C-alpha atoms as a PDB file:
ATOM      1  CA  MET A   1     201.418 -21.659  52.888  1.00  0.00           C
ATOM      2  CA  LEU A   2     204.061 -20.633  55.414  1.00  0.00           C
ATOM      3  CA  VAL A   3     207.544 -22.100  55.710  1.00  0.00           C
ATOM      4  CA  VAL A   4     209.669 -22.656  58.821  1.00  0.00           C
ATOM      5  CA  GLU A   5     213.487 -22.892  58.780  1.00  0.00           C
ATOM      6  CA  LYS A   6     213.688 -26.266  60.498  1.00  0.00           C
ATOM      7  CA  ALA A   7     211.239 -29.147  60.563  1.00  0.00           C
ATOM      8  CA  LEU A   8     208.565 -28.660  63.210  1.00  0.00           C
ATOM      9  CA  THR A   9     208.892 -30.514  66.475  1.00  0.00           C
ATOM     10  CA  ALA A  10     205.792 -32.063  68.019  1.00  0.00           C
ATOM     11  CA  GLU A  11     205.680 -29.205  70.530  1.00  0.00           C
ATOM     12  CA  GLN A  12     205.935 -26.557  67.794  1.00  0.00           C
ATOM     13  CA  ALA A  13     203.214 -28.225  65.709  1.00  0.00           C
ATOM     14  CA  SER A  14     200.949 -28.174  68.762  1.00  0.00           C
ATOM     15  CA  THR A  15     201.848 -24.532  69.484  1.00  0.00           C
ATOM     16  CA  VAL A  16     201.054 -23.553  65.891  1.00  0.00           C
ATOM     17  CA  LYS A  17     197.618 -25.177  66.045  1.00  0.00           C
ATOM     18  CA  LYS A  18     196.749 -23.687  69.450  1.00  0.00           C
ATOM     19  CA  THR A  19     198.024 -20.226  68.511  1.00  0.00           C
ATOM     20  CA  LEU A  20     196.282 -20.023  65.150  1.00  0.00           C
ATOM     21  CA  ALA A  21     193.021 -21.397  66.548  1.00  0.00           C
ATOM     22  CA  LYS A  22     192.839 -18.137  68.530  1.00  0.00           C
ATOM     23  CA  VAL A  23     193.319 -15.891  65.472  1.00  0.00           C
ATOM     24  CA  SER A  24     190.033 -14.635  64.039  1.00  0.00           C
ATOM     25  CA  GLY A  25     189.672 -15.521  60.375  1.00  0.00           C
ATOM     26  CA  VAL A  26     191.979 -18.564  60.417  1.00  0.00           C
ATOM     27  CA  SER A  27     190.706 -22.062  59.597  1.00  0.00           C
ATOM     28  CA  ASP A  28     191.959 -25.373  58.208  1.00  0.00           C
ATOM     29  CA  ILE A  29     195.255 -25.353  60.113  1.00  0.00           C
ATOM     30  CA  SER A  30     197.785 -28.003  59.151  1.00  0.00           C
ATOM     31  CA  ALA A  31     201.052 -28.223  61.088  1.00  0.00           C
ATOM     32  CA  VAL A  32     202.657 -31.651  61.241  1.00  0.00           C
ATOM     33  CA  GLU A  33     205.697 -32.764  63.190  1.00  0.00           C
ATOM     34  CA  GLY A  34     208.645 -33.195  60.808  1.00  0.00           C
ATOM     35  CA  ASP A  35     207.246 -30.851  58.151  1.00  0.00           C
ATOM     36  CA  LYS A  36     208.700 -27.479  57.185  1.00  0.00           C
ATOM     37  CA  GLU A  37     205.365 -26.115  55.986  1.00  0.00           C
ATOM     38  CA  ILE A  38     202.316 -24.768  57.771  1.00  0.00           C
ATOM     39  CA  SER A  39     199.098 -24.576  55.784  1.00  0.00           C
ATOM     40  CA  VAL A  40     196.224 -22.322  56.835  1.00  0.00           C
ATOM     41  CA  THR A  41     193.138 -20.870  55.228  1.00  0.00           C
ATOM     42  CA  ILE A  42     192.491 -17.238  56.046  1.00  0.00           C
ATOM     43  CA  ASP A  43     189.532 -14.947  55.599  1.00  0.00           C
ATOM     44  CA  PRO A  44     191.135 -11.757  54.223  1.00  0.00           C
ATOM     45  CA  ALA A  45     188.276  -9.691  55.639  1.00  0.00           C
ATOM     46  CA  LYS A  46     189.348 -10.725  59.157  1.00  0.00           C
ATOM     47  CA  THR A  47     193.117 -11.271  59.059  1.00  0.00           C
ATOM     48  CA  SER A  48     196.215 -11.316  56.846  1.00  0.00           C
ATOM     49  CA  PRO A  49     199.260 -13.523  56.338  1.00  0.00           C
ATOM     50  CA  GLU A  50     201.305 -10.897  58.169  1.00  0.00           C
ATOM     51  CA  LYS A  51     199.030 -11.101  61.238  1.00  0.00           C
ATOM     52  CA  VAL A  52     199.244 -14.891  61.183  1.00  0.00           C
ATOM     53  CA  MET A  53     203.035 -14.726  60.958  1.00  0.00           C
ATOM     54  CA  ALA A  54     203.161 -12.180  63.802  1.00  0.00           C
ATOM     55  CA  ALA A  55     201.027 -14.425  66.036  1.00  0.00           C
ATOM     56  CA  LEU A  56     203.337 -17.350  65.337  1.00  0.00           C
ATOM     57  CA  ALA A  57     206.457 -15.251  65.951  1.00  0.00           C
ATOM     58  CA  LYS A  58     205.030 -14.161  69.305  1.00  0.00           C
ATOM     59  CA  ALA A  59     204.556 -17.866  70.126  1.00  0.00           C
ATOM     60  CA  GLY A  60     208.186 -18.578  69.206  1.00  0.00           C
ATOM     61  CA  VAL A  61     207.707 -20.036  65.714  1.00  0.00           C
ATOM     62  CA  SER A  62     209.472 -18.042  62.994  1.00  0.00           C
ATOM     63  CA  THR A  63     207.917 -18.299  59.538  1.00  0.00           C
ATOM     64  CA  LYS A  64     208.049 -16.792  56.075  1.00  0.00           C
ATOM     65  CA  LYS A  65     205.710 -16.882  53.108  1.00  0.00           C
ATOM     66  CA  GLN A  66     206.392 -19.627  50.618  1.00  0.00           C
ATOM     67  CA  ALA A  67     207.766 -18.166  47.394  1.00  0.00           C
END
């Protein structure tokens, strides 16, 4: 689970889904307008939370791991 500072806008939720769909090893993406959480399933043999966060940062969505 990743956390964003502010609730996602509709555009950000769409960006998250499109961006993570391109990352190998990512599945089950949940990013909903109005939420502050992004849920993804990753295959650790193909990617890492850090790579997912970097892809989102590059797309303009800053995240952190949920504590």
